[in-house]
Amino acid sequence: MIVVDIEAAGLDPKKSSIVSIGAVDFTNPERQFYEEPRAWEGSEFDPESLEICGFTQEQCKDSSRKELSEVMHKFY
């Protein structure tokens, strides 16, 4: 069983980007995954969501972060 945790820039998945993805294999905890993708262009940011996640808009938009599609492919 794999446990997955996703943090987003807001509550609406159609308007707010994923800003972090973490996962751990419950039966083998050494197998872990964690990435912080760049928020997609036009993503809405809810200040309360960002506070809970511990990110700023600037961090989420950082061009050095990988695109979400790349992170999702790596996760898969």
N, C-alpha and C. Protein backbone atom coordinates (compact mmCIF):
# COMPACT_ATOMS: atom_id res chain seq x y z
N MET A 1 0.85 -1.17 0.00
CA MET A 1 0.00 0.00 0.00
C MET A 1 0.90 1.24 0.00
N ILE A 2 0.54 2.20 -0.84
CA ILE A 2 1.28 3.45 -0.91
C ILE A 2 0.40 4.56 -0.35
N VAL A 3 0.96 5.35 0.55
CA VAL A 3 0.26 6.49 1.14
C VAL A 3 0.75 7.74 0.42
N VAL A 4 -0.19 8.54 -0.10
CA VAL A 4 0.14 9.72 -0.89
C VAL A 4 -0.43 10.97 -0.21
N ASP A 5 0.37 12.03 -0.21
CA ASP A 5 -0.07 13.32 0.32
C ASP A 5 0.19 14.38 -0.74
N ILE A 6 -0.84 15.12 -1.09
CA ILE A 6 -0.72 16.19 -2.08
C ILE A 6 -1.11 17.51 -1.44
N GLU A 7 -0.29 18.52 -1.65
CA GLU A 7 -0.61 19.88 -1.20
C GLU A 7 -0.89 20.71 -2.45
N ALA A 8 -1.86 21.61 -2.34
CA ALA A 8 -2.26 22.43 -3.48
C ALA A 8 -2.34 23.89 -3.08
N ALA A 9 -2.33 24.74 -4.11
CA ALA A 9 -2.37 26.19 -3.89
C ALA A 9 -3.76 26.68 -3.52
N GLY A 10 -4.76 25.81 -3.57
CA GLY A 10 -6.12 26.15 -3.23
C GLY A 10 -6.98 24.90 -3.23
N LEU A 11 -8.28 25.09 -3.01
CA LEU A 11 -9.18 23.95 -2.88
C LEU A 11 -9.77 23.45 -4.19
N ASP A 12 -9.82 24.29 -5.21
CA ASP A 12 -10.44 23.91 -6.48
C ASP A 12 -9.38 23.36 -7.42
N PRO A 13 -9.41 22.05 -7.72
CA PRO A 13 -8.37 21.46 -8.57
C PRO A 13 -8.37 21.98 -10.01
N LYS A 14 -9.46 22.61 -10.43
CA LYS A 14 -9.51 23.18 -11.77
C LYS A 14 -8.86 24.55 -11.84
N LYS A 15 -8.67 25.18 -10.67
CA LYS A 15 -8.14 26.54 -10.63
C LYS A 15 -6.79 26.65 -9.91
N SER A 16 -6.47 25.67 -9.06
CA SER A 16 -5.26 25.76 -8.24
C SER A 16 -4.35 24.56 -8.47
N SER A 17 -3.09 24.85 -8.64
CA SER A 17 -2.09 23.84 -8.96
C SER A 17 -1.65 23.04 -7.73
N ILE A 18 -1.18 21.83 -8.00
CA ILE A 18 -0.51 21.03 -6.97
C ILE A 18 0.86 21.67 -6.73
N VAL A 19 1.25 21.81 -5.45
CA VAL A 19 2.54 22.42 -5.13
C VAL A 19 3.49 21.45 -4.43
N SER A 20 3.01 20.28 -4.01
CA SER A 20 3.91 19.24 -3.51
C SER A 20 3.21 17.89 -3.54
N ILE A 21 4.02 16.86 -3.76
CA ILE A 21 3.53 15.49 -3.78
C ILE A 21 4.49 14.66 -2.94
N GLY A 22 3.96 13.97 -1.96
CA GLY A 22 4.76 13.08 -1.14
C GLY A 22 4.12 11.71 -1.08
N ALA A 23 4.94 10.66 -1.01
CA ALA A 23 4.41 9.30 -0.93
C ALA A 23 5.38 8.42 -0.19
N VAL A 24 4.83 7.41 0.47
CA VAL A 24 5.64 6.41 1.16
C VAL A 24 4.98 5.05 0.97
N ASP A 25 5.80 4.05 0.74
CA ASP A 25 5.33 2.67 0.64
C ASP A 25 5.12 2.17 2.06
N PHE A 26 3.88 1.94 2.43
CA PHE A 26 3.53 1.57 3.81
C PHE A 26 4.22 0.29 4.25
N THR A 27 4.41 -0.66 3.33
CA THR A 27 5.04 -1.93 3.69
C THR A 27 6.56 -1.87 3.61
N ASN A 28 7.09 -0.83 2.99
CA ASN A 28 8.53 -0.65 2.87
C ASN A 28 8.85 0.84 2.98
N PRO A 29 8.84 1.41 4.19
CA PRO A 29 8.95 2.85 4.40
C PRO A 29 10.22 3.50 3.84
N GLU A 30 11.21 2.70 3.50
CA GLU A 30 12.41 3.27 2.89
C GLU A 30 12.12 3.79 1.48
N ARG A 31 11.07 3.25 0.85
CA ARG A 31 10.66 3.70 -0.49
C ARG A 31 9.80 4.95 -0.33
N GLN A 32 10.39 6.09 -0.63
CA GLN A 32 9.70 7.36 -0.46
C GLN A 32 9.84 8.22 -1.72
N PHE A 33 8.90 9.14 -1.86
CA PHE A 33 8.90 10.08 -2.98
C PHE A 33 8.49 11.44 -2.44
N TYR A 34 9.19 12.50 -2.86
CA TYR A 34 8.77 13.86 -2.52
C TYR A 34 9.29 14.81 -3.59
N GLU A 35 8.39 15.59 -4.15
CA GLU A 35 8.74 16.61 -5.15
C GLU A 35 7.84 17.82 -4.96
N GLU A 36 8.36 18.99 -5.33
CA GLU A 36 7.60 20.24 -5.29
C GLU A 36 7.57 20.82 -6.70
N PRO A 37 6.52 20.51 -7.47
CA PRO A 37 6.46 21.03 -8.84
C PRO A 37 6.14 22.52 -8.86
N ARG A 38 6.48 23.14 -9.98
CA ARG A 38 6.15 24.56 -10.20
C ARG A 38 4.65 24.67 -10.47
N ALA A 39 4.02 25.67 -9.89
CA ALA A 39 2.59 25.91 -10.15
C ALA A 39 2.41 26.27 -11.62
N TRP A 40 1.35 25.74 -12.23
CA TRP A 40 1.12 26.04 -13.63
C TRP A 40 0.66 27.49 -13.80
N GLU A 41 0.96 28.01 -14.99
CA GLU A 41 0.63 29.38 -15.34
C GLU A 41 -0.87 29.61 -15.19
N GLY A 42 -1.26 30.64 -14.46
CA GLY A 42 -2.65 30.98 -14.26
C GLY A 42 -3.26 30.35 -13.01
N SER A 43 -2.48 29.57 -12.29
CA SER A 43 -2.99 28.96 -11.06
C SER A 43 -3.44 30.03 -10.08
N GLU A 44 -4.56 29.77 -9.42
CA GLU A 44 -5.01 30.65 -8.36
C GLU A 44 -4.35 30.22 -7.05
N PHE A 45 -4.09 31.18 -6.18
CA PHE A 45 -3.44 30.91 -4.89
C PHE A 45 -4.33 31.40 -3.76
N ASP A 46 -4.71 30.49 -2.89
CA ASP A 46 -5.48 30.82 -1.71
C ASP A 46 -4.50 31.04 -0.56
N PRO A 47 -4.47 32.24 0.03
CA PRO A 47 -3.51 32.53 1.09
C PRO A 47 -3.56 31.54 2.26
N GLU A 48 -4.76 31.11 2.63
CA GLU A 48 -4.90 30.15 3.74
C GLU A 48 -4.29 28.79 3.37
N SER A 49 -4.53 28.35 2.15
CA SER A 49 -3.96 27.08 1.69
C SER A 49 -2.44 27.14 1.70
N LEU A 50 -1.88 28.24 1.20
CA LEU A 50 -0.42 28.38 1.19
C LEU A 50 0.15 28.42 2.60
N GLU A 51 -0.55 29.07 3.51
CA GLU A 51 -0.09 29.11 4.90
C GLU A 51 -0.06 27.71 5.50
N ILE A 52 -1.09 26.93 5.25
CA ILE A 52 -1.15 25.56 5.76
C ILE A 52 -0.03 24.71 5.16
N CYS A 53 0.23 24.88 3.86
CA CYS A 53 1.28 24.12 3.16
C CYS A 53 2.69 24.60 3.53
N GLY A 54 2.78 25.86 3.93
CA GLY A 54 4.08 26.42 4.27
C GLY A 54 4.86 26.95 3.07
N PHE A 55 4.13 27.35 2.01
CA PHE A 55 4.76 27.87 0.81
C PHE A 55 4.32 29.31 0.57
N THR A 56 5.12 30.03 -0.20
CA THR A 56 4.73 31.35 -0.70
C THR A 56 4.43 31.22 -2.19
N GLN A 57 3.75 32.21 -2.75
CA GLN A 57 3.48 32.20 -4.19
C GLN A 57 4.79 32.19 -4.97
N GLU A 58 5.77 32.96 -4.50
CA GLU A 58 7.06 33.03 -5.18
C GLU A 58 7.74 31.67 -5.22
N GLN A 59 7.68 30.93 -4.12
CA GLN A 59 8.26 29.59 -4.10
C GLN A 59 7.54 28.69 -5.10
N CYS A 60 6.23 28.76 -5.14
CA CYS A 60 5.44 27.90 -6.02
C CYS A 60 5.66 28.21 -7.50
N LYS A 61 6.01 29.46 -7.80
CA LYS A 61 6.22 29.87 -9.19
C LYS A 61 7.69 29.79 -9.61
N ASP A 62 8.56 29.37 -8.71
CA ASP A 62 10.00 29.32 -8.96
C ASP A 62 10.33 28.53 -10.22
N SER A 63 10.99 29.16 -11.16
CA SER A 63 11.30 28.52 -12.44
C SER A 63 12.27 27.35 -12.32
N SER A 64 12.95 27.23 -11.19
CA SER A 64 13.87 26.10 -11.02
C SER A 64 13.12 24.81 -10.65
N ARG A 65 11.86 24.94 -10.26
CA ARG A 65 11.05 23.75 -9.99
C ARG A 65 10.64 23.07 -11.29
N LYS A 66 10.49 21.77 -11.25
CA LYS A 66 10.06 21.01 -12.43
C LYS A 66 8.58 21.26 -12.70
N GLU A 67 8.19 21.08 -13.96
CA GLU A 67 6.78 21.18 -14.32
C GLU A 67 6.01 20.03 -13.70
N LEU A 68 4.74 20.26 -13.41
CA LEU A 68 3.89 19.25 -12.77
C LEU A 68 3.86 17.96 -13.59
N SER A 69 3.77 18.07 -14.91
CA SER A 69 3.72 16.87 -15.75
C SER A 69 4.98 16.02 -15.57
N GLU A 70 6.13 16.64 -15.44
CA GLU A 70 7.38 15.91 -15.24
C GLU A 70 7.39 15.21 -13.88
N VAL A 71 6.92 15.92 -12.85
CA VAL A 71 6.87 15.34 -11.51
C VAL A 71 5.88 14.17 -11.47
N MET A 72 4.72 14.34 -12.10
CA MET A 72 3.74 13.27 -12.13
C MET A 72 4.29 12.04 -12.85
N HIS A 73 5.00 12.26 -13.95
CA HIS A 73 5.60 11.14 -14.68
C HIS A 73 6.62 10.42 -13.79
N LYS A 74 7.43 11.19 -13.09
CA LYS A 74 8.43 10.59 -12.19
C LYS A 74 7.74 9.81 -11.06
N PHE A 75 6.66 10.36 -10.54
CA PHE A 75 5.91 9.69 -9.47
C PHE A 75 5.33 8.38 -9.98
N TYR A 76 4.72 8.42 -11.16
CA TYR A 76 4.09 7.24 -11.72
C TYR A 76 5.11 6.13 -11.93
